[in-house]
Amino acid sequence: MDDPVLLTGSEGRVGSAILGDLGSKYDWRLLDREPPTEEPSHEFFVADITDYDAVREAAEGAGAIVHLAGDPRPEAPWNSVLGNNIDGTHTILQVAADVGVERFVFASSNHAVGAYETEERTPDLYRDHDEFRLDGSELPRPSNLYGVSKAAGEILGRYYHDEFDISVACVRIGNLTEGHPPKDYERGQAMWLSYRDCAHLFDRCLAAEYGYEIVYGISDNDRKYYSIERAREVLGYDPQDNSAHHD
């Protein structure tokens, strides 16, 4: 992609993983509500994602938006997820439609489907012998209000795809950690996503051709209850890491 790519929430963990591997691959514009802690290597906008005019200034001429910004706390209260996550995502999508952005990549979350992890299914759900898989075609089943906000973002993306023909990919991110996956934590190993695979997956979201997709963001773990087959098939996702291969 030759056009600039706007990355919201660039100072967070997912933004660090993406920029760590893809910093020189795209013409990034970075947006965060706090100034950068170090001298930025790309054009940087300090703005709140609910500020339409500020977001529009950052998005003018962009070919794609990768939207990471929001309150990431699983225990976040309703007033925060409503403003930061739902209203903020709506603002970003409306800007995308108004300025002609062609592609929108949304950082959704495993919390959008966390309530599928019932007492009857766990802990076998997290073990490599279990065959239960979520593949992105199931209805949302949030485990907290943060998950509700991510499910709402997915639905907003569906509307803006249908109404404005924006290509939208929603990535239900698992357990992103730098370095080794968590030890002695079966759930974390089952949904582990390495920094390298995270960057690769978002790269494929920016490069592949699709309409509207929901995919899971995990590495190719032996333990898994999220299917990555849709990401492989549609996006060309080819993860290199596996939580079982780390001591």
C-alpha atoms as a PDB file:
ATOM      1  CA  MET A   1       0.000   0.000   0.000  1.00  0.00           C
ATOM      2  CA  ASP A   2       1.468   3.326  -1.125  1.00  0.00           C
ATOM      3  CA  ASP A   3      -1.021   5.594   0.662  1.00  0.00           C
ATOM      4  CA  PRO A   4      -0.443   6.530   4.295  1.00  0.00           C
ATOM      5  CA  VAL A   5      -1.791   4.262   7.033  1.00  0.00           C
ATOM      6  CA  LEU A   6      -3.238   5.862  10.153  1.00  0.00           C
ATOM      7  CA  LEU A   7      -2.516   3.875  13.329  1.00  0.00           C
ATOM      8  CA  THR A   8      -4.596   4.889  16.344  1.00  0.00           C
ATOM      9  CA  GLY A   9      -3.478   3.943  19.836  1.00  0.00           C
ATOM     10  CA  SER A  10       0.044   3.700  18.504  1.00  0.00           C
ATOM     11  CA  GLU A  11       1.682   3.922  21.935  1.00  0.00           C
ATOM     12  CA  GLY A  12       0.059   0.725  23.235  1.00  0.00           C
ATOM     13  CA  ARG A  13       1.293  -2.872  23.257  1.00  0.00           C
ATOM     14  CA  VAL A  14      -0.298  -3.882  19.942  1.00  0.00           C
ATOM     15  CA  GLY A  15       1.028  -0.730  18.308  1.00  0.00           C
ATOM     16  CA  SER A  16       4.518  -1.543  19.562  1.00  0.00           C
ATOM     17  CA  ALA A  17       4.314  -5.045  18.088  1.00  0.00           C
ATOM     18  CA  ILE A  18       3.132  -3.738  14.721  1.00  0.00           C
ATOM     19  CA  LEU A  19       5.648  -0.927  14.442  1.00  0.00           C
ATOM     20  CA  GLY A  20       8.467  -3.108  15.698  1.00  0.00           C
ATOM     21  CA  ASP A  21       8.299  -5.254  12.553  1.00  0.00           C
ATOM     22  CA  LEU A  22       6.474  -3.007  10.075  1.00  0.00           C
ATOM     23  CA  GLY A  23       7.803   0.441  10.961  1.00  0.00           C
ATOM     24  CA  SER A  24       9.574   0.863   7.640  1.00  0.00           C
ATOM     25  CA  LYS A  25       7.066  -0.985   5.457  1.00  0.00           C
ATOM     26  CA  TYR A  26       4.269   1.599   5.456  1.00  0.00           C
ATOM     27  CA  ASP A  27       3.958   5.362   5.478  1.00  0.00           C
ATOM     28  CA  TRP A  28       2.572   5.487   9.001  1.00  0.00           C
ATOM     29  CA  ARG A  29       0.690   8.311  10.658  1.00  0.00           C
ATOM     30  CA  LEU A  30       0.494   7.738  14.390  1.00  0.00           C
ATOM     31  CA  LEU A  31      -2.290   8.936  16.663  1.00  0.00           C
ATOM     32  CA  ASP A  32      -2.563   8.725  20.434  1.00  0.00           C
ATOM     33  CA  ARG A  33      -4.185  10.895  23.040  1.00  0.00           C
ATOM     34  CA  GLU A  34      -0.888  11.213  24.921  1.00  0.00           C
ATOM     35  CA  PRO A  35       2.346  12.587  23.422  1.00  0.00           C
ATOM     36  CA  PRO A  36       4.972   9.959  22.544  1.00  0.00           C
ATOM     37  CA  THR A  37       7.441   8.982  25.259  1.00  0.00           C
ATOM     38  CA  GLU A  38      10.282   9.049  22.724  1.00  0.00           C
ATOM     39  CA  GLU A  39      10.949  10.994  19.540  1.00  0.00           C
ATOM     40  CA  PRO A  40       8.545   9.473  16.994  1.00  0.00           C
ATOM     41  CA  SER A  41       9.902   8.076  13.749  1.00  0.00           C
ATOM     42  CA  HIS A  42       6.660   8.938  11.919  1.00  0.00           C
ATOM     43  CA  GLU A  43       4.228  11.823  11.773  1.00  0.00           C
ATOM     44  CA  PHE A  44       2.435  11.924  15.119  1.00  0.00           C
ATOM     45  CA  PHE A  45      -0.975  13.369  16.029  1.00  0.00           C
ATOM     46  CA  VAL A  46      -2.012  13.937  19.639  1.00  0.00           C
ATOM     47  CA  ALA A  47      -5.790  13.647  19.673  1.00  0.00           C
ATOM     48  CA  ASP A  48      -8.741  11.990  21.343  1.00  0.00           C
ATOM     49  CA  ILE A  49     -10.467   9.534  19.020  1.00  0.00           C
ATOM     50  CA  THR A  50     -13.858  11.058  19.805  1.00  0.00           C
ATOM     51  CA  ASP A  51     -12.674  14.402  18.378  1.00  0.00           C
ATOM     52  CA  TYR A  52     -13.984  14.198  14.809  1.00  0.00           C
ATOM     53  CA  ASP A  53     -12.083  17.207  13.460  1.00  0.00           C
ATOM     54  CA  ALA A  54      -8.742  16.099  14.914  1.00  0.00           C
ATOM     55  CA  VAL A  55      -9.167  12.553  13.633  1.00  0.00           C
ATOM     56  CA  ARG A  56     -10.186  13.816  10.207  1.00  0.00           C
ATOM     57  CA  GLU A  57      -7.046  15.934   9.999  1.00  0.00           C
ATOM     58  CA  ALA A  58      -4.938  12.843  10.703  1.00  0.00           C
ATOM     59  CA  ALA A  59      -6.882  10.657   8.256  1.00  0.00           C
ATOM     60  CA  GLU A  60      -7.006  12.957   5.218  1.00  0.00           C
ATOM     61  CA  GLY A  61      -5.349  11.166   2.293  1.00  0.00           C
ATOM     62  CA  ALA A  62      -4.883   7.891   4.167  1.00  0.00           C
ATOM     63  CA  GLY A  63      -5.603   4.650   2.362  1.00  0.00           C
ATOM     64  CA  ALA A  64      -6.158   2.578   5.504  1.00  0.00           C
ATOM     65  CA  ILE A  65      -6.769   2.917   9.225  1.00  0.00           C
ATOM     66  CA  VAL A  66      -5.588   0.424  11.835  1.00  0.00           C
ATOM     67  CA  HIS A  67      -7.715   1.201  14.873  1.00  0.00           C
ATOM     68  CA  LEU A  68      -6.222   0.089  18.195  1.00  0.00           C
ATOM     69  CA  ALA A  69      -7.165   2.983  20.483  1.00  0.00           C
ATOM     70  CA  GLY A  70      -9.573   2.576  23.378  1.00  0.00           C
ATOM     71  CA  ASP A  71      -9.765   1.595  27.026  1.00  0.00           C
ATOM     72  CA  PRO A  72      -8.131  -1.876  27.117  1.00  0.00           C
ATOM     73  CA  ARG A  73      -9.071  -2.799  30.688  1.00  0.00           C
ATOM     74  CA  PRO A  74     -11.259  -5.911  30.990  1.00  0.00           C
ATOM     75  CA  GLU A  75     -12.778  -4.350  34.112  1.00  0.00           C
ATOM     76  CA  ALA A  76     -13.379  -0.947  32.480  1.00  0.00           C
ATOM     77  CA  PRO A  77     -16.700   0.619  33.537  1.00  0.00           C
ATOM     78  CA  TRP A  78     -19.519   1.395  31.131  1.00  0.00           C
ATOM     79  CA  ASN A  79     -18.942   5.142  30.902  1.00  0.00           C
ATOM     80  CA  SER A  80     -15.369   4.517  29.773  1.00  0.00           C
ATOM     81  CA  VAL A  81     -16.061   1.794  27.207  1.00  0.00           C
ATOM     82  CA  LEU A  82     -19.026   3.756  25.868  1.00  0.00           C
ATOM     83  CA  GLY A  83     -16.954   6.871  25.248  1.00  0.00           C
ATOM     84  CA  ASN A  84     -13.511   5.527  24.473  1.00  0.00           C
ATOM     85  CA  ASN A  85     -14.405   2.303  22.679  1.00  0.00           C
ATOM     86  CA  ILE A  86     -17.858   2.584  21.155  1.00  0.00           C
ATOM     87  CA  ASP A  87     -18.145   6.320  20.459  1.00  0.00           C
ATOM     88  CA  GLY A  88     -14.454   6.432  19.540  1.00  0.00           C
ATOM     89  CA  THR A  89     -14.754   3.579  17.046  1.00  0.00           C
ATOM     90  CA  HIS A  90     -17.844   5.176  15.537  1.00  0.00           C
ATOM     91  CA  THR A  91     -15.954   8.458  15.109  1.00  0.00           C
ATOM     92  CA  ILE A  92     -13.018   6.745  13.402  1.00  0.00           C
ATOM     93  CA  LEU A  93     -15.318   4.838  11.034  1.00  0.00           C
ATOM     94  CA  GLN A  94     -17.318   7.927  10.161  1.00  0.00           C
ATOM     95  CA  VAL A  95     -14.107   9.786   9.382  1.00  0.00           C
ATOM     96  CA  ALA A  96     -12.991   6.839   7.235  1.00  0.00           C
ATOM     97  CA  ALA A  97     -16.236   7.037   5.255  1.00  0.00           C
ATOM     98  CA  ASP A  98     -16.105  10.811   4.920  1.00  0.00           C
ATOM     99  CA  VAL A  99     -12.503  11.036   3.660  1.00  0.00           C
ATOM    100  CA  GLY A 100     -12.624   7.936   1.441  1.00  0.00           C
ATOM    101  CA  VAL A 101     -10.454   5.483   3.397  1.00  0.00           C
ATOM    102  CA  GLU A 102     -10.670   2.126   1.642  1.00  0.00           C
ATOM    103  CA  ARG A 103      -9.591  -0.260   4.413  1.00  0.00           C
ATOM    104  CA  PHE A 104     -10.248  -0.425   8.143  1.00  0.00           C
ATOM    105  CA  VAL A 105      -8.555  -2.906  10.480  1.00  0.00           C
ATOM    106  CA  PHE A 106     -10.120  -3.115  13.923  1.00  0.00           C
ATOM    107  CA  ALA A 107      -8.453  -4.499  17.037  1.00  0.00           C
ATOM    108  CA  SER A 108     -11.234  -6.546  18.584  1.00  0.00           C
ATOM    109  CA  SER A 109     -10.630  -8.909  21.489  1.00  0.00           C
ATOM    110  CA  ASN A 110     -11.039 -12.411  22.845  1.00  0.00           C
ATOM    111  CA  HIS A 111     -13.320 -10.782  25.438  1.00  0.00           C
ATOM    112  CA  ALA A 112     -15.973 -10.368  22.729  1.00  0.00           C
ATOM    113  CA  VAL A 113     -16.463 -14.148  22.950  1.00  0.00           C
ATOM    114  CA  GLY A 114     -15.157 -14.819  26.459  1.00  0.00           C
ATOM    115  CA  ALA A 115     -18.428 -16.250  27.773  1.00  0.00           C
ATOM    116  CA  TYR A 116     -18.051 -19.302  25.510  1.00  0.00           C
ATOM    117  CA  GLU A 117     -15.518 -20.448  28.114  1.00  0.00           C
ATOM    118  CA  THR A 118     -18.136 -22.097  30.309  1.00  0.00           C
ATOM    119  CA  GLU A 119     -17.515 -24.250  33.368  1.00  0.00           C
ATOM    120  CA  GLU A 120     -18.577 -27.282  31.335  1.00  0.00           C
ATOM    121  CA  ARG A 121     -15.917 -26.619  28.678  1.00  0.00           C
ATOM    122  CA  THR A 122     -12.979 -25.588  30.846  1.00  0.00           C
ATOM    123  CA  PRO A 123     -10.221 -26.503  31.485  1.00  0.00           C
ATOM    124  CA  ASP A 124     -10.357 -29.102  28.661  1.00  0.00           C
ATOM    125  CA  LEU A 125     -11.045 -26.225  26.258  1.00  0.00           C
ATOM    126  CA  TYR A 126      -7.467 -25.044  26.743  1.00  0.00           C
ATOM    127  CA  ARG A 127      -5.839 -28.421  26.062  1.00  0.00           C
ATOM    128  CA  ASP A 128      -4.584 -29.801  22.779  1.00  0.00           C
ATOM    129  CA  HIS A 129      -6.871 -32.853  22.800  1.00  0.00           C
ATOM    130  CA  ASP A 130     -10.028 -30.712  22.820  1.00  0.00           C
ATOM    131  CA  GLU A 131     -11.586 -30.091  19.390  1.00  0.00           C
ATOM    132  CA  PHE A 132     -13.915 -27.176  20.209  1.00  0.00           C
ATOM    133  CA  ARG A 133     -13.143 -24.165  18.018  1.00  0.00           C
ATOM    134  CA  LEU A 134     -14.497 -20.664  17.584  1.00  0.00           C
ATOM    135  CA  ASP A 135     -14.001 -19.573  13.979  1.00  0.00           C
ATOM    136  CA  GLY A 136     -15.467 -16.068  13.747  1.00  0.00           C
ATOM    137  CA  SER A 137     -18.858 -17.143  12.403  1.00  0.00           C
ATOM    138  CA  GLU A 138     -20.376 -17.474  15.898  1.00  0.00           C
ATOM    139  CA  LEU A 139     -22.347 -14.700  17.544  1.00  0.00           C
ATOM    140  CA  PRO A 140     -20.531 -12.495  20.055  1.00  0.00           C
ATOM    141  CA  ARG A 141     -20.755 -13.653  23.658  1.00  0.00           C
ATOM    142  CA  PRO A 142     -18.938 -11.040  25.737  1.00  0.00           C
ATOM    143  CA  SER A 143     -17.506 -11.813  29.151  1.00  0.00           C
ATOM    144  CA  ASN A 144     -17.454  -8.204  30.392  1.00  0.00           C
ATOM    145  CA  LEU A 145     -18.413  -4.677  29.324  1.00  0.00           C
ATOM    146  CA  TYR A 146     -15.078  -4.280  27.548  1.00  0.00           C
ATOM    147  CA  GLY A 147     -16.057  -7.309  25.444  1.00  0.00           C
ATOM    148  CA  VAL A 148     -19.441  -5.699  24.778  1.00  0.00           C
ATOM    149  CA  SER A 149     -17.641  -2.640  23.415  1.00  0.00           C
ATOM    150  CA  LYS A 150     -15.501  -4.786  21.126  1.00  0.00           C
ATOM    151  CA  ALA A 151     -18.555  -6.654  19.844  1.00  0.00           C
ATOM    152  CA  ALA A 152     -20.162  -3.260  19.181  1.00  0.00           C
ATOM    153  CA  GLY A 153     -17.069  -2.235  17.212  1.00  0.00           C
ATOM    154  CA  GLU A 154     -17.380  -5.339  15.057  1.00  0.00           C
ATOM    155  CA  ILE A 155     -21.031  -4.531  14.338  1.00  0.00           C
ATOM    156  CA  LEU A 156     -20.177  -0.921  13.518  1.00  0.00           C
ATOM    157  CA  GLY A 157     -17.574  -2.245  11.096  1.00  0.00           C
ATOM    158  CA  ARG A 158     -20.209  -4.437   9.456  1.00  0.00           C
ATOM    159  CA  TYR A 159     -22.487  -1.444   8.971  1.00  0.00           C
ATOM    160  CA  TYR A 160     -19.757   0.771   7.500  1.00  0.00           C
ATOM    161  CA  HIS A 161     -18.672  -2.008   5.157  1.00  0.00           C
ATOM    162  CA  ASP A 162     -22.211  -2.519   3.879  1.00  0.00           C
ATOM    163  CA  GLU A 163     -23.115   1.169   3.730  1.00  0.00           C
ATOM    164  CA  PHE A 164     -19.833   2.675   2.466  1.00  0.00           C
ATOM    165  CA  ASP A 165     -18.019  -0.312   0.902  1.00  0.00           C
ATOM    166  CA  ILE A 166     -15.025  -0.050   3.247  1.00  0.00           C
ATOM    167  CA  SER A 167     -13.038  -3.270   3.560  1.00  0.00           C
ATOM    168  CA  VAL A 168     -13.150  -4.162   7.259  1.00  0.00           C
ATOM    169  CA  ALA A 169     -11.123  -6.786   9.134  1.00  0.00           C
ATOM    170  CA  CYS A 170     -11.859  -7.362  12.817  1.00  0.00           C
ATOM    171  CA  VAL A 171      -9.037  -9.161  14.637  1.00  0.00           C
ATOM    172  CA  ARG A 172     -10.071 -10.838  17.886  1.00  0.00           C
ATOM    173  CA  ILE A 173      -6.694 -10.573  19.583  1.00  0.00           C
ATOM    174  CA  GLY A 174      -5.746 -13.297  22.027  1.00  0.00           C
ATOM    175  CA  ASN A 175      -2.992 -13.075  24.642  1.00  0.00           C
ATOM    176  CA  LEU A 176      -0.308 -10.846  23.147  1.00  0.00           C
ATOM    177  CA  THR A 177       2.982 -11.082  25.035  1.00  0.00           C
ATOM    178  CA  GLU A 178       6.520 -10.164  24.078  1.00  0.00           C
ATOM    179  CA  GLY A 179       8.999 -13.030  24.257  1.00  0.00           C
ATOM    180  CA  HIS A 180       7.867 -16.303  25.783  1.00  0.00           C
ATOM    181  CA  PRO A 181       4.227 -17.303  26.286  1.00  0.00           C
ATOM    182  CA  PRO A 182       2.979 -17.439  29.883  1.00  0.00           C
ATOM    183  CA  LYS A 183       4.161 -20.521  31.769  1.00  0.00           C
ATOM    184  CA  ASP A 184       1.759 -22.639  33.837  1.00  0.00           C
ATOM    185  CA  TYR A 185      -1.241 -20.777  32.406  1.00  0.00           C
ATOM    186  CA  GLU A 186      -3.196 -23.010  30.051  1.00  0.00           C
ATOM    187  CA  ARG A 187      -5.637 -20.369  28.887  1.00  0.00           C
ATOM    188  CA  GLY A 188      -2.832 -17.928  28.099  1.00  0.00           C
ATOM    189  CA  GLN A 189      -0.946 -20.550  26.123  1.00  0.00           C
ATOM    190  CA  ALA A 190      -4.052 -21.500  24.139  1.00  0.00           C
ATOM    191  CA  MET A 191      -4.652 -17.909  23.048  1.00  0.00           C
ATOM    192  CA  TRP A 192      -1.015 -16.779  22.862  1.00  0.00           C
ATOM    193  CA  LEU A 193      -0.030 -14.339  20.113  1.00  0.00           C
ATOM    194  CA  SER A 194       3.634 -13.503  19.630  1.00  0.00           C
ATOM    195  CA  TYR A 195       4.746 -10.022  18.643  1.00  0.00           C
ATOM    196  CA  ARG A 196       6.110 -11.403  15.367  1.00  0.00           C
ATOM    197  CA  ASP A 197       2.840 -13.110  14.431  1.00  0.00           C
ATOM    198  CA  CYS A 198       0.842 -10.060  15.519  1.00  0.00           C
ATOM    199  CA  ALA A 199       2.752  -7.799  13.136  1.00  0.00           C
ATOM    200  CA  HIS A 200       2.441 -10.350  10.331  1.00  0.00           C
ATOM    201  CA  LEU A 201      -1.321 -10.700  10.824  1.00  0.00           C
ATOM    202  CA  PHE A 202      -1.912  -6.943  10.693  1.00  0.00           C
ATOM    203  CA  ASP A 203       0.365  -6.757   7.666  1.00  0.00           C
ATOM    204  CA  ARG A 204      -1.846  -9.302   5.912  1.00  0.00           C
ATOM    205  CA  CYS A 205      -4.935  -7.298   6.917  1.00  0.00           C
ATOM    206  CA  LEU A 206      -3.401  -4.335   5.095  1.00  0.00           C
ATOM    207  CA  ALA A 207      -2.369  -6.314   2.009  1.00  0.00           C
ATOM    208  CA  ALA A 208      -5.040  -8.953   1.301  1.00  0.00           C
ATOM    209  CA  GLU A 209      -8.296  -8.473  -0.600  1.00  0.00           C
ATOM    210  CA  TYR A 210     -11.508  -9.007   1.388  1.00  0.00           C
ATOM    211  CA  GLY A 211     -14.852  -7.455   2.190  1.00  0.00           C
ATOM    212  CA  TYR A 212     -15.780  -7.920   5.841  1.00  0.00           C
ATOM    213  CA  GLU A 213     -13.980 -10.456   8.012  1.00  0.00           C
ATOM    214  CA  ILE A 214     -13.710 -11.513  11.641  1.00  0.00           C
ATOM    215  CA  VAL A 215     -10.543 -13.477  12.351  1.00  0.00           C
ATOM    216  CA  TYR A 216      -8.702 -14.646  15.433  1.00  0.00           C
ATOM    217  CA  GLY A 217      -5.331 -13.256  16.370  1.00  0.00           C
ATOM    218  CA  ILE A 218      -3.328 -16.092  17.903  1.00  0.00           C
ATOM    219  CA  SER A 219      -0.150 -17.902  16.971  1.00  0.00           C
ATOM    220  CA  ASP A 220      -0.193 -21.466  15.628  1.00  0.00           C
ATOM    221  CA  ASN A 221      -0.402 -23.030  19.078  1.00  0.00           C
ATOM    222  CA  ASP A 222      -0.914 -26.726  19.734  1.00  0.00           C
ATOM    223  CA  ARG A 223      -3.354 -25.661  22.411  1.00  0.00           C
ATOM    224  CA  LYS A 224      -6.058 -23.543  20.810  1.00  0.00           C
ATOM    225  CA  TYR A 225      -9.796 -23.047  20.887  1.00  0.00           C
ATOM    226  CA  TYR A 226      -9.768 -20.276  18.290  1.00  0.00           C
ATOM    227  CA  SER A 227      -9.490 -21.345  14.677  1.00  0.00           C
ATOM    228  CA  ILE A 228      -6.990 -19.473  12.508  1.00  0.00           C
ATOM    229  CA  GLU A 229      -8.137 -21.166   9.303  1.00  0.00           C
ATOM    230  CA  ARG A 230     -10.146 -18.156   8.114  1.00  0.00           C
ATOM    231  CA  ALA A 231      -7.138 -15.900   8.614  1.00  0.00           C
ATOM    232  CA  ARG A 232      -5.010 -18.357   6.639  1.00  0.00           C
ATOM    233  CA  GLU A 233      -7.533 -18.722   3.828  1.00  0.00           C
ATOM    234  CA  VAL A 234      -8.622 -15.126   3.319  1.00  0.00           C
ATOM    235  CA  LEU A 235      -5.634 -13.114   4.519  1.00  0.00           C
ATOM    236  CA  GLY A 236      -2.721 -15.444   3.824  1.00  0.00           C
ATOM    237  CA  TYR A 237      -1.780 -15.490   7.512  1.00  0.00           C
ATOM    238  CA  ASP A 238       1.197 -17.777   8.103  1.00  0.00           C
ATOM    239  CA  PRO A 239       2.114 -17.682  11.813  1.00  0.00           C
ATOM    240  CA  GLN A 240       5.602 -18.793  12.788  1.00  0.00           C
ATOM    241  CA  ASP A 241       5.256 -19.274  16.535  1.00  0.00           C
ATOM    242  CA  ASN A 242       3.682 -21.883  18.800  1.00  0.00           C
ATOM    243  CA  SER A 243       3.340 -21.656  22.574  1.00  0.00           C
ATOM    244  CA  ALA A 244       4.238 -25.350  22.847  1.00  0.00           C
ATOM    245  CA  HIS A 245       7.723 -24.701  21.425  1.00  0.00           C
ATOM    246  CA  HIS A 246       8.786 -22.404  24.260  1.00  0.00           C
ATOM    247  CA  ASP A 247      10.007 -23.684  27.579  1.00  0.00           C
END
